[in-house]
Each structure stands twice: as structure tokens, then as C-alpha cells.
Amino acid sequence: MCIPWKRHIAAALLLICLPLLVIGCGGGGGGGGTRTISGVATKGPIAGGLISVYRLTTAGVRGALLGSGTTGADGNYAVKIPASVTGPLVVTVTGQPGATYLSETTGQQVPFTAAESFSAAVDNFNPAVPVTVSPLTEAAFEKLPLILAQKPGTITTEVLQSSVVAANNQVGDLFNVTDILAPPAGNAAYVAALTVIDQMIVDSKATGSVTDTTAVTTIINQAVADVSTSAPAYQTFAQLFTISATEAVAADPSLTTAVGTLTQSITNPPAEPNFSDVTAPSVVTGLTATTYALNATTSAVVLNWNPSTDNIAVAGYDIYRDGGKVGSSTTTSFTDPAVTPNVTYSYTVVAFDAAGNFAAASAPLSVKPNQASLNVTVSGSISSDLLSRLDIVAPTAPTSLAAVTTALTGTTSSVALSWAAATDTVGVTGYEVYRDGVKLATVASTSYTDPSVTSATTYAYTVKAFDAAGNRSDFSTALSVTPNRPSLGVTVSGQVNTGP
């Protein structure tokens, strides 16, 4: 089959281009120590690519450079950035001499040149969560400035974060991938999408007029700019995608189901959300839980809650356990499939809409899953492991939470927290410290210093105690802390602060 790539590429490039990306320079700065952002760069896996991590500006483009590195042979990367960095980031992989990617359709290593790059926007950096960089995340990154342009008023950090989520979700919905930032390995839908895109690239090169991934990337990005079957750019993309999908299935019939579902989504795309919407859904109420034992060491937790309301429509709910996201649901129920029995967990649920607006978290629900019956006799005596499990009483919640803030620079401060010791029937083992609902650290003492936060910004700190059996107390009463910004001319860390 002869595919008119020259005509389609020329037509795509004549369409209105998306705003140019502005690449910032300079380091990340701020505070001592580092944290690591990691993940995989893939088209197939990109080996020897340059990975750069930037702040994400409120214009939806790259800001200051925070760190860089090189992808491994399997496309994995790990880049150190300043420990003080939080909030929205951009991770970019760019080709350089010797860099290659593995073609899913030919099985060959293909050069990944300096003209080629993919970026991924992250709404809130979490070092525990890997970040995938792929053609899908690139399309979402290109969509981001267009979404921000539709937002009324000043673009705050919160609006930027919601827009990042909306862009990533829209591309995910289009390509039938739940989370485009999650690793593609083992995700049949993600693998299918990357395989068809690779077939598009192979087809584009067949004419000899295209030598890299940039033509196909341009076609995808311009299609995502206006996801409408009446838009010329989208029509071009859908036509070429469908042809390549048929070829990919013919070459690998195991892809039939995943590619078939994907093709239906591409030819009948979901409607574009109303990105001008900045109203968040209502807070989730009525959170309840039912637990049941799967075996002596594993239990499940079934959560239910009342539906939220929204000025347009609620798109779904994110579920958090002890401050970490464990899943999402489009209904008002969720099952956490495998947790440890006789351990107290804290669950919250957050509603969101299609424009990426998130409600505040629901009131936390403490859940201690049931444990299946145990054989109490181990070699003629009760095992010490069983004895520890028999402690089912949680410690008391910490009290008297207090804070002292110290300015580090003109824009950053540290927060020294202290609290009164909790009590327990056996003994308190330690404490977990949370900032704005996200766990920062686990300590054995009754104090902790949050090393670097943004001055003149209000944070909510809470602490919970736990014992050796894994029982966790309720959260302490939240403490609101707004670190002071040093006055003009005040000496900070040996330097005269010149102000913001």
C-alpha cells in the first residue's frame, strides 16, 4: 500500500503550529541535599539519550534546569535534583550522538538524533513515583499551553497543576491509557499505542523523505491540539493511525484486541473538556470501608462513598492510603486488593473533573483490616510474630504540635516541628510526619525538621504515631505554618538577602 506521507506531512506542517517551547537555563538552586527523579524514556526504550529535568513555568513551558543525566540501555534514567524542589516539573529526553531507540515493529536499534525529543509534564514531583517520557507525554506537554490559554485570570500553581493533569488525562483517554506517566511495561494499551506509533514512523520513512520521528510527532501533536474529527490535522492523524494499526496487527496478531480498542478510540475520540473550567468538585463525604481476610497475611479493603457534585461533571476519584495514591475510580467504590491485616491505615478520596480540577481530600477514614484465623502453636509455643499481631490497640494521637521556622534564603525556609509523645498499651515505636496530607518522613523521636519549603506559603502539618505491631494512631490536630520571608537586607546563611 502506498501511503502519501509527503502530502500529509506537508499539510500537517502548514497548520497552525503549537506555541514554541521555551527552554530555560540555569540550575535548580535552593537548599542542600538532593532527591532523585527516575523513570523510563521510551519510543521503544531510548538508550543513551540526554535526560534533562526542568521546572515547569506557569506558561506551561520549561523553566530553570534542575539536573541532567543519560538513559541506560533499557531506557531507564535517574537524575538528582535539589531536595528543596517540589511542584510541577518537566522531564525531557533528547537525542545525542550514539543514542538509539528500539523499534517495536522491526526489532532494530534506530538512531535517536539531536533533532528528536519527548517531554513529560508532572503536576507534583514525588521521588517515589517513576515518570515515563514517551510520544504520548510529549503530546500532552504540547497541549498544556493551549489549555492554560483557556484559563481565566492569573495562572496560579494550582491552576498549572490542574492543567497538567487535564492534558495528561486527555491524551490518556484518547490513546486508551489510564496513566501515561506510568511505566508502559505490562500495560497492553500503552504497548499497543507505542507499537502503532512506531509503525507510523516506519511507514513515514519508507518514502525516503523522512529520516526520524519528528514528522510523526508533529502530526500527533497537532492532532491533540484540537481533538475533533472535523479538524484537518486530526483527520490526517486518524487516517494514518488507522492504516498503521492494520499493519501492526497483521505483523503481530497478539495485538488484535488492544489495537482494535485503541483504533475505536482514535476514530471516535472523546469530546474535548471545557478547559476554561476552574471550579473543583465538592468534597467527598460518607467514606466507609468493609474489610475481609484473603489469607493469614493479606486482607482487602472495599471503600464506598457518596458521589461528589460539580458545575459540569465529576470525571472520577483518586484514592489515597496513608497519603500515597493507590488508584483511581470512575465510580463511588474502590477495592484496595492487598494490605496487611491488623495494621491501621488512613484512607482519603479526592474527586476531580475533566478539566483537572481537584476537590479537597475527604475526611480521613482509619481502617484496620481483618486477619484470618492463625494457628497459635508454633513448635509447641506461641510465636513472637503472633504475639506482636495480638496487639491491636493503636497509640494515642500526638498532641501539642508546634513549629519554629528559619529563613534559609530569600525564598526558602526550614520548619522545625515538635510534639508531645503519644502513649500506647505496649510502646510507641515512632512517628510519621505529613505536610499537606503527604508523608514526609518517619522518625523515632518527637521532633522533625522539614529542610526546605517556600517562604510566605501556608502549609498544614500533621503527625501520627505507630507501634511495633503496625497500629497507627489518628492524625494529630493539623498545624498551619507560614514560614516568614526574610526582610530586605537581613543576613541569611551568611549572605545579605536582597529581597525577592
Protein backbone atom coordinates (compact mmCIF):
# COMPACT_ATOMS: atom_id res chain seq x y z
CA MET A 1 0.00 0.00 0.00
CA CYS A 2 1.38 3.40 -0.94
CA ILE A 3 0.90 5.95 1.83
CA PRO A 4 1.00 9.62 0.70
CA TRP A 5 3.30 10.71 3.50
CA LYS A 6 4.78 13.71 1.68
CA ARG A 7 1.34 15.21 1.18
CA HIS A 8 0.17 14.52 4.73
CA ILE A 9 3.35 15.82 6.33
CA ALA A 10 3.25 18.98 4.25
CA ALA A 11 -0.39 19.53 5.16
CA ALA A 12 0.32 18.95 8.84
CA LEU A 13 3.22 21.38 8.88
CA LEU A 14 1.13 24.10 7.20
CA LEU A 15 -1.40 24.02 10.03
CA ILE A 16 -1.15 26.41 12.89
CA CYS A 17 1.81 25.23 14.97
CA LEU A 18 1.64 24.92 18.70
CA PRO A 19 3.49 27.52 20.78
CA LEU A 20 7.26 27.08 20.74
CA LEU A 21 8.79 25.58 23.83
CA VAL A 22 10.99 27.96 25.72
CA ILE A 23 13.96 26.18 27.20
CA GLY A 24 15.20 27.83 30.36
CA CYS A 25 18.76 27.73 31.57
CA GLY A 26 20.49 27.66 34.90
CA GLY A 27 20.46 25.33 37.87
CA GLY A 28 17.71 24.46 40.27
CA GLY A 29 19.30 26.10 43.28
CA GLY A 30 17.91 26.16 46.75
CA GLY A 31 18.89 24.23 49.84
CA GLY A 32 21.28 21.38 50.45
CA GLY A 33 20.95 17.73 49.52
CA THR A 34 19.32 16.07 46.57
CA ARG A 35 16.44 13.82 45.66
CA THR A 36 16.15 11.58 42.62
CA ILE A 37 13.58 11.62 39.85
CA SER A 38 13.54 8.40 37.85
CA GLY A 39 11.57 6.52 35.23
CA VAL A 40 11.90 5.33 31.64
CA ALA A 41 12.28 7.15 28.32
CA THR A 42 10.69 5.17 25.55
CA LYS A 43 9.54 5.14 21.99
CA GLY A 44 10.79 1.84 22.35
CA PRO A 45 13.33 2.20 25.09
CA ILE A 46 15.70 5.08 24.35
CA ALA A 47 19.32 4.19 25.14
CA GLY A 48 21.99 6.85 25.63
CA GLY A 49 19.55 9.76 25.43
CA LEU A 50 20.13 13.03 27.28
CA ILE A 51 17.66 13.42 30.16
CA SER A 52 17.06 16.94 31.45
CA VAL A 53 14.78 17.97 34.31
CA TYR A 54 13.33 21.49 34.41
CA ARG A 55 10.90 23.47 36.48
CA LEU A 56 7.56 23.94 34.74
CA THR A 57 6.57 27.59 34.40
CA THR A 58 3.04 28.94 34.65
CA ALA A 59 3.17 29.43 30.87
CA GLY A 60 3.38 25.64 30.51
CA VAL A 61 6.96 25.64 29.20
CA ARG A 62 10.37 24.66 30.52
CA GLY A 63 11.95 26.90 33.13
CA ALA A 64 15.18 26.53 35.10
CA LEU A 65 17.30 23.43 34.53
CA LEU A 66 17.41 21.33 37.72
CA GLY A 67 19.56 18.37 36.67
CA SER A 68 20.53 16.10 33.81
CA GLY A 69 21.76 12.60 33.02
CA THR A 70 21.77 9.83 30.42
CA THR A 71 19.33 6.96 29.86
CA GLY A 72 20.57 3.41 30.27
CA ALA A 73 20.42 0.61 27.71
CA ASP A 74 16.85 -0.19 28.82
CA GLY A 75 15.72 3.45 28.67
CA ASN A 76 15.71 3.86 32.45
CA TYR A 77 17.06 7.06 33.98
CA ALA A 78 17.73 8.56 37.42
CA VAL A 79 18.56 12.26 37.80
CA LYS A 80 19.43 14.04 41.04
CA ILE A 81 17.76 17.40 41.62
CA PRO A 82 17.82 19.73 44.65
CA ALA A 83 15.98 18.31 47.65
CA SER A 84 14.00 21.54 48.01
CA VAL A 85 12.27 21.09 44.65
CA THR A 86 8.53 20.42 44.76
CA GLY A 87 5.59 21.05 42.48
CA PRO A 88 5.37 20.92 38.67
CA LEU A 89 8.36 19.65 36.64
CA VAL A 90 9.24 18.78 33.04
CA VAL A 91 11.39 15.77 32.12
CA THR A 92 12.82 15.85 28.57
CA VAL A 93 14.75 13.18 26.66
CA THR A 94 16.77 14.44 23.69
CA GLY A 95 18.84 12.53 21.17
CA GLN A 96 22.60 12.82 21.11
CA PRO A 97 25.49 11.02 19.35
CA GLY A 98 25.20 7.28 19.91
CA ALA A 99 21.64 7.41 21.26
CA THR A 100 19.19 4.83 19.88
CA TYR A 101 15.68 3.53 20.41
CA LEU A 102 14.34 0.02 19.91
CA SER A 103 11.75 -0.18 17.13
CA GLU A 104 8.76 -2.26 18.28
CA THR A 105 7.88 -3.29 14.74
CA THR A 106 11.31 -4.12 13.29
CA GLY A 107 13.15 -5.12 16.47
CA GLN A 108 16.11 -2.99 15.33
CA GLN A 109 18.01 -0.26 17.15
CA VAL A 110 17.36 3.07 15.41
CA PRO A 111 19.38 6.30 15.87
CA PHE A 112 17.73 8.87 18.15
CA THR A 113 19.15 12.13 16.88
CA ALA A 114 19.62 15.58 18.37
CA ALA A 115 16.57 16.76 16.39
CA GLU A 116 14.33 14.34 18.29
CA SER A 117 12.96 14.81 21.79
CA PHE A 118 10.00 13.93 24.01
CA SER A 119 8.90 15.69 27.20
CA ALA A 120 6.66 14.78 30.13
CA ALA A 121 4.97 17.29 32.45
CA VAL A 122 4.48 16.27 36.10
CA ASP A 123 1.96 18.13 38.22
CA ASN A 124 3.68 17.48 41.57
CA PHE A 125 7.11 15.87 41.90
CA ASN A 126 7.18 12.75 44.07
CA PRO A 127 10.50 10.85 44.13
CA ALA A 128 8.65 7.61 44.89
CA VAL A 129 6.68 7.75 41.61
CA PRO A 130 8.51 6.99 38.32
CA VAL A 131 7.92 9.26 35.32
CA THR A 132 7.65 7.86 31.80
CA VAL A 133 8.71 10.06 28.87
CA SER A 134 7.17 8.97 25.55
CA PRO A 135 5.40 10.25 22.43
CA LEU A 136 2.17 10.30 24.47
CA THR A 137 3.63 12.50 27.21
CA GLU A 138 5.12 14.74 24.51
CA ALA A 139 1.65 15.27 23.00
CA ALA A 140 0.28 16.18 26.44
CA PHE A 141 3.17 18.59 27.06
CA GLU A 142 2.46 20.31 23.73
CA LYS A 143 -1.23 20.54 24.66
CA LEU A 144 -0.53 22.17 28.02
CA PRO A 145 -0.01 25.81 26.86
CA LEU A 146 -3.24 25.61 24.86
CA ILE A 147 -5.15 24.53 27.96
CA LEU A 148 -3.57 27.29 30.05
CA ALA A 149 -4.57 29.86 27.43
CA GLN A 150 -8.21 28.99 28.10
CA LYS A 151 -7.98 29.54 31.86
CA PRO A 152 -9.45 32.82 33.12
CA GLY A 153 -7.44 35.11 35.36
CA THR A 154 -3.95 34.59 36.76
CA ILE A 155 -2.31 31.20 36.32
CA THR A 156 -1.52 30.06 39.84
CA THR A 157 0.47 26.97 40.74
CA GLU A 158 -2.79 25.19 41.49
CA VAL A 159 -4.23 26.08 38.06
CA LEU A 160 -0.97 24.95 36.41
CA GLN A 161 -1.11 21.63 38.26
CA SER A 162 -4.74 21.04 37.31
CA SER A 163 -3.92 21.84 33.68
CA VAL A 164 -1.05 19.34 33.66
CA VAL A 165 -3.43 16.68 34.94
CA ALA A 166 -6.03 17.64 32.32
CA ALA A 167 -3.51 17.46 29.47
CA ASN A 168 -2.14 14.09 30.58
CA ASN A 169 -5.65 12.72 31.11
CA GLN A 170 -6.90 13.90 27.71
CA VAL A 171 -4.06 12.15 25.87
CA GLY A 172 -4.54 9.11 28.07
CA ASP A 173 -8.25 8.98 27.26
CA LEU A 174 -7.53 9.35 23.54
CA PHE A 175 -4.98 6.52 23.49
CA ASN A 176 -6.88 4.34 25.96
CA VAL A 177 -4.07 4.55 28.55
CA THR A 178 -5.12 5.21 32.15
CA ASP A 179 -1.86 6.90 33.22
CA ILE A 180 0.60 8.00 30.52
CA LEU A 181 3.25 8.78 33.16
CA ALA A 182 3.22 5.19 34.46
CA PRO A 183 5.69 2.62 33.06
CA PRO A 184 4.42 1.10 29.77
CA ALA A 185 5.83 -2.36 30.52
CA GLY A 186 2.98 -4.77 31.20
CA ASN A 187 0.35 -2.24 30.09
CA ALA A 188 -1.18 -3.74 26.95
CA ALA A 189 -2.88 -0.49 25.91
CA TYR A 190 0.31 1.56 26.26
CA VAL A 191 2.37 -1.06 24.37
CA ALA A 192 -0.25 -1.12 21.59
CA ALA A 193 -0.18 2.69 21.26
CA LEU A 194 3.62 2.82 21.06
CA THR A 195 3.70 -0.04 18.55
CA VAL A 196 1.24 1.65 16.18
CA ILE A 197 3.12 4.93 16.50
CA ASP A 198 6.33 3.09 15.63
CA GLN A 199 4.61 1.61 12.57
CA MET A 200 3.62 5.15 11.55
CA ILE A 201 7.28 6.17 11.82
CA VAL A 202 8.42 3.15 9.78
CA ASP A 203 5.78 3.96 7.12
CA SER A 204 6.83 7.62 7.01
CA LYS A 205 10.46 6.62 6.40
CA ALA A 206 9.51 4.31 3.54
CA THR A 207 9.29 7.26 1.13
CA GLY A 208 12.86 8.28 1.87
CA SER A 209 11.79 11.87 2.58
CA VAL A 210 11.61 11.33 6.35
CA THR A 211 14.58 10.13 8.42
CA ASP A 212 13.48 10.43 12.07
CA THR A 213 10.47 10.60 14.41
CA THR A 214 9.81 14.32 14.07
CA ALA A 215 7.24 14.17 11.24
CA VAL A 216 5.03 11.68 13.09
CA THR A 217 5.49 13.57 16.37
CA THR A 218 4.33 16.77 14.64
CA ILE A 219 1.25 15.02 13.24
CA ILE A 220 0.31 13.59 16.66
CA ASN A 221 0.90 16.88 18.48
CA GLN A 222 -1.17 18.90 16.00
CA ALA A 223 -3.98 16.34 16.20
CA VAL A 224 -4.05 16.54 20.00
CA ALA A 225 -4.15 20.35 19.77
CA ASP A 226 -7.77 20.01 18.62
CA VAL A 227 -9.25 16.57 19.22
CA SER A 228 -12.12 16.85 16.78
CA THR A 229 -13.00 14.64 13.83
CA SER A 230 -13.75 17.81 11.82
CA ALA A 231 -10.27 19.27 12.30
CA PRO A 232 -7.96 18.70 9.28
CA ALA A 233 -4.96 17.86 11.45
CA TYR A 234 -6.95 15.27 13.36
CA GLN A 235 -8.32 13.76 10.14
CA THR A 236 -4.76 13.32 8.83
CA PHE A 237 -3.65 11.70 12.07
CA ALA A 238 -6.67 9.34 12.30
CA GLN A 239 -6.22 8.21 8.67
CA LEU A 240 -2.52 7.42 9.07
CA PHE A 241 -3.00 5.86 12.51
CA THR A 242 -5.71 3.51 11.19
CA ILE A 243 -3.54 2.36 8.28
CA SER A 244 -0.57 1.70 10.56
CA ALA A 245 -2.78 -0.05 13.13
CA THR A 246 -3.93 -2.52 10.47
CA GLU A 247 -0.31 -3.20 9.51
CA ALA A 248 0.76 -3.65 13.13
CA VAL A 249 -1.95 -6.25 13.79
CA ALA A 250 -1.09 -8.12 10.59
CA ALA A 251 2.53 -8.35 11.75
CA ASP A 252 1.62 -9.31 15.34
CA PRO A 253 -1.88 -10.80 15.76
CA SER A 254 -1.45 -10.82 19.57
CA LEU A 255 -2.10 -7.06 19.41
CA THR A 256 -5.53 -7.52 17.82
CA THR A 257 -7.68 -6.78 20.87
CA ALA A 258 -5.63 -3.90 22.30
CA VAL A 259 -5.12 -2.23 18.91
CA GLY A 260 -8.79 -2.72 17.99
CA THR A 261 -9.93 -0.94 21.14
CA LEU A 262 -7.35 1.77 20.56
CA THR A 263 -8.42 2.32 16.95
CA GLN A 264 -12.05 2.74 18.04
CA SER A 265 -10.96 5.44 20.48
CA ILE A 266 -8.92 7.24 17.82
CA THR A 267 -11.70 7.17 15.22
CA ASN A 268 -14.33 8.17 17.79
CA PRO A 269 -12.37 10.43 20.14
CA PRO A 270 -13.78 11.64 23.45
CA ALA A 271 -15.00 15.22 23.38
CA GLU A 272 -12.61 17.94 24.49
CA PRO A 273 -13.27 19.03 28.08
CA ASN A 274 -14.19 22.61 28.89
CA PHE A 275 -10.68 23.65 29.87
CA SER A 276 -11.83 27.11 30.97
CA ASP A 277 -13.50 25.43 33.94
CA VAL A 278 -11.65 26.25 37.18
CA THR A 279 -14.34 25.06 39.62
CA ALA A 280 -13.45 21.95 41.59
CA PRO A 281 -15.97 19.24 42.51
CA SER A 282 -17.39 19.07 46.01
CA VAL A 283 -15.50 17.24 48.75
CA VAL A 284 -16.26 13.53 49.02
CA THR A 285 -18.42 12.60 52.02
CA GLY A 286 -19.72 9.39 53.55
CA LEU A 287 -16.49 7.38 53.15
CA THR A 288 -16.95 3.87 54.57
CA ALA A 289 -14.99 0.63 54.43
CA THR A 290 -15.55 -3.10 54.58
CA THR A 291 -12.57 -5.42 55.05
CA TYR A 292 -12.12 -9.12 54.55
CA ALA A 293 -9.20 -11.51 55.02
CA LEU A 294 -7.67 -13.13 51.96
CA ASN A 295 -5.27 -15.27 53.98
CA ALA A 296 -3.31 -15.10 57.25
CA THR A 297 -1.10 -12.28 55.97
CA THR A 298 -3.23 -10.37 53.46
CA SER A 299 -6.56 -8.57 53.55
CA ALA A 300 -8.62 -6.43 51.18
CA VAL A 301 -10.38 -3.13 51.86
CA VAL A 302 -13.56 -2.18 49.98
CA LEU A 303 -14.26 1.56 50.07
CA ASN A 304 -17.55 3.31 49.28
CA TRP A 305 -18.54 6.98 49.37
CA ASN A 306 -21.24 9.43 48.34
CA PRO A 307 -20.99 10.93 44.83
CA SER A 308 -19.50 14.40 44.55
CA THR A 309 -21.10 17.19 42.54
CA ASP A 310 -19.53 19.56 40.01
CA ASN A 311 -20.59 22.59 37.96
CA ILE A 312 -20.08 20.45 34.81
CA ALA A 313 -19.43 16.81 35.76
CA VAL A 314 -17.25 14.71 38.03
CA ALA A 315 -14.77 12.69 35.96
CA GLY A 316 -13.51 10.38 38.70
CA TYR A 317 -11.93 9.90 42.09
CA ASP A 318 -8.36 9.36 43.30
CA ILE A 319 -7.90 7.11 46.32
CA TYR A 320 -5.08 7.63 48.83
CA ARG A 321 -3.77 5.32 51.54
CA ASP A 322 -1.58 6.99 54.21
CA GLY A 323 -1.08 9.96 51.88
CA GLY A 324 0.04 7.91 48.85
CA LYS A 325 -2.17 7.40 45.81
CA VAL A 326 -3.20 3.76 45.38
CA GLY A 327 -5.65 4.05 42.48
CA SER A 328 -8.47 5.85 40.72
CA SER A 329 -12.11 5.06 40.11
CA THR A 330 -14.86 6.42 37.88
CA THR A 331 -17.47 5.04 40.31
CA THR A 332 -18.08 5.65 44.01
CA SER A 333 -16.29 2.49 45.14
CA PHE A 334 -12.77 1.09 45.13
CA THR A 335 -11.09 -2.08 46.38
CA ASP A 336 -7.58 -1.90 47.80
CA PRO A 337 -6.72 -5.51 46.99
CA ALA A 338 -3.85 -6.48 49.27
CA VAL A 339 -2.92 -4.87 52.58
CA THR A 340 -1.53 -6.20 55.84
CA PRO A 341 -4.10 -7.31 58.45
CA ASN A 342 -4.21 -5.74 61.91
CA VAL A 343 -2.45 -2.61 60.61
CA THR A 344 -4.33 0.68 60.78
CA TYR A 345 -4.44 2.60 57.50
CA SER A 346 -5.81 6.06 56.76
CA TYR A 347 -7.83 6.42 53.53
CA THR A 348 -8.94 9.60 51.78
CA VAL A 349 -10.70 10.17 48.46
CA VAL A 350 -10.35 13.17 46.12
CA ALA A 351 -12.88 13.98 43.37
CA PHE A 352 -11.74 15.54 40.09
CA ASP A 353 -13.30 16.77 36.85
CA ALA A 354 -12.23 16.57 33.19
CA ALA A 355 -10.53 19.97 33.34
CA GLY A 356 -8.18 18.67 36.03
CA ASN A 357 -9.75 20.49 38.98
CA PHE A 358 -9.39 18.55 42.23
CA ALA A 359 -11.54 18.79 45.33
CA ALA A 360 -10.01 18.86 48.78
CA ALA A 361 -9.46 15.43 50.28
CA SER A 362 -12.30 13.75 52.10
CA ALA A 363 -12.16 13.36 55.87
CA PRO A 364 -9.67 10.54 56.58
CA LEU A 365 -11.06 7.11 57.43
CA SER A 366 -9.00 4.83 59.67
CA VAL A 367 -9.30 1.18 58.68
CA LYS A 368 -7.78 -1.88 60.36
CA PRO A 369 -8.32 -4.90 58.05
CA ASN A 370 -9.39 -8.23 59.48
CA GLN A 371 -6.96 -11.12 59.80
CA ALA A 372 -7.74 -14.75 59.05
CA SER A 373 -7.53 -17.21 61.94
CA LEU A 374 -4.00 -18.19 62.91
CA ASN A 375 -2.54 -21.41 64.21
CA VAL A 376 -1.30 -20.15 67.57
CA THR A 377 1.01 -23.11 68.20
CA VAL A 378 4.44 -22.88 66.59
CA SER A 379 6.83 -25.65 67.69
CA GLY A 380 4.86 -26.01 70.87
CA SER A 381 4.67 -22.30 71.75
CA ILE A 382 3.09 -19.09 70.58
CA SER A 383 5.35 -17.40 68.03
CA SER A 384 6.72 -13.94 68.75
CA ASP A 385 5.31 -12.84 65.39
CA LEU A 386 1.84 -13.87 66.54
CA LEU A 387 2.30 -12.12 69.87
CA SER A 388 3.07 -8.88 68.06
CA ARG A 389 -0.01 -9.31 65.90
CA LEU A 390 -2.16 -9.74 69.01
CA ASP A 391 -1.54 -6.07 69.85
CA ILE A 392 -4.49 -4.42 68.18
CA VAL A 393 -4.62 -1.16 70.15
CA ALA A 394 -3.36 1.93 68.33
CA PRO A 395 -1.33 4.61 70.10
CA THR A 396 -2.94 7.90 71.10
CA ALA A 397 -2.69 10.74 68.60
CA PRO A 398 0.26 13.10 69.14
CA THR A 399 -0.65 16.42 70.78
CA SER A 400 0.85 19.89 71.23
CA LEU A 401 2.26 20.06 67.71
CA ALA A 402 4.38 23.22 67.41
CA ALA A 403 6.71 24.73 64.82
CA VAL A 404 9.65 27.13 64.57
CA THR A 405 10.58 28.45 61.10
CA THR A 406 14.01 29.63 59.95
CA ALA A 407 14.68 31.59 56.74
CA LEU A 408 17.34 29.93 54.58
CA THR A 409 17.28 32.23 51.55
CA GLY A 410 15.07 34.98 50.22
CA THR A 411 12.53 32.38 49.10
CA THR A 412 13.07 29.24 51.20
CA SER A 413 12.76 28.35 54.87
CA SER A 414 13.01 25.34 57.14
CA VAL A 415 10.31 24.25 59.60
CA ALA A 416 11.31 22.61 62.89
CA LEU A 417 8.41 20.61 64.32
CA SER A 418 7.99 19.20 67.82
CA TRP A 419 5.14 17.47 69.65
CA ALA A 420 4.19 15.71 72.86
CA ALA A 421 4.86 11.98 72.97
CA ALA A 422 1.96 9.61 72.24
CA THR A 423 1.15 6.70 74.55
CA ASP A 424 0.46 3.04 73.75
CA THR A 425 -0.51 -0.14 75.61
CA VAL A 426 2.81 -1.76 74.60
CA GLY A 427 5.03 1.07 73.38
CA VAL A 428 5.25 3.74 70.70
CA THR A 429 7.79 2.83 68.01
CA GLY A 430 7.84 6.05 66.00
CA TYR A 431 6.01 8.85 64.25
CA GLU A 432 5.04 9.69 60.67
CA VAL A 433 5.17 13.36 59.64
CA TYR A 434 2.87 14.75 56.94
CA ARG A 435 2.82 18.04 55.04
CA ASP A 436 -0.46 18.86 53.24
CA GLY A 437 -1.51 15.20 53.57
CA VAL A 438 1.67 13.76 52.01
CA LYS A 439 4.06 11.78 54.22
CA LEU A 440 7.46 13.46 54.54
CA ALA A 441 9.34 11.22 56.96
CA THR A 442 9.28 8.56 59.67
CA VAL A 443 11.13 9.40 62.88
CA ALA A 444 11.71 7.74 66.24
CA SER A 445 11.80 11.00 68.25
CA THR A 446 9.21 13.70 68.91
CA SER A 447 10.72 16.23 66.53
CA TYR A 448 11.44 16.66 62.83
CA THR A 449 12.79 19.44 60.61
CA ASP A 450 11.28 19.94 57.17
CA PRO A 451 14.50 21.08 55.46
CA SER A 452 13.29 23.47 52.78
CA VAL A 453 9.89 24.91 51.91
CA THR A 454 8.75 28.06 50.13
CA SER A 455 8.56 31.12 52.33
CA ALA A 456 5.29 33.04 52.71
CA THR A 457 3.35 29.89 51.76
CA THR A 458 0.96 28.24 54.23
CA TYR A 459 1.43 24.51 54.90
CA ALA A 460 -0.60 22.10 57.06
CA TYR A 461 1.44 19.68 59.17
CA THR A 462 0.12 16.59 60.95
CA VAL A 463 1.75 13.71 62.80
CA LYS A 464 0.60 10.18 63.63
CA ALA A 465 2.17 7.63 65.98
CA PHE A 466 2.65 3.91 65.39
CA ASP A 467 3.70 0.86 67.40
CA ALA A 468 5.68 -2.31 66.67
CA ALA A 469 2.52 -4.17 65.64
CA GLY A 470 1.84 -1.63 62.90
CA ASN A 471 -1.07 0.05 64.65
CA ARG A 472 -1.28 3.74 63.73
CA SER A 473 -2.93 6.50 65.66
CA ASP A 474 -5.29 9.10 64.29
CA PHE A 475 -3.67 12.24 62.88
CA SER A 476 -2.74 14.95 65.30
CA THR A 477 -4.62 18.22 65.05
CA ALA A 478 -3.33 19.96 61.92
CA LEU A 479 -0.92 22.84 62.45
CA SER A 480 -0.89 25.65 59.85
CA VAL A 481 2.59 27.10 59.32
CA THR A 482 3.53 30.06 57.12
CA PRO A 483 7.33 30.47 57.08
CA ASN A 484 8.45 34.08 57.18
CA ARG A 485 10.34 35.60 54.27
CA PRO A 486 13.48 37.49 55.46
CA SER A 487 13.26 41.25 55.26
CA LEU A 488 15.31 43.20 52.72
CA GLY A 489 18.93 43.42 53.84
CA VAL A 490 18.67 40.73 56.54
CA THR A 491 21.64 38.38 56.65
CA VAL A 492 20.61 34.80 55.77
CA SER A 493 23.14 31.93 55.95
CA GLY A 494 26.00 34.42 55.89
CA GLN A 495 24.68 36.37 52.88
CA VAL A 496 22.80 39.66 52.75
CA ASN A 497 19.34 38.97 51.35
CA THR A 498 18.43 41.41 48.58
CA GLY A 499 14.78 40.55 48.67
CA PRO A 500 12.56 38.66 46.22
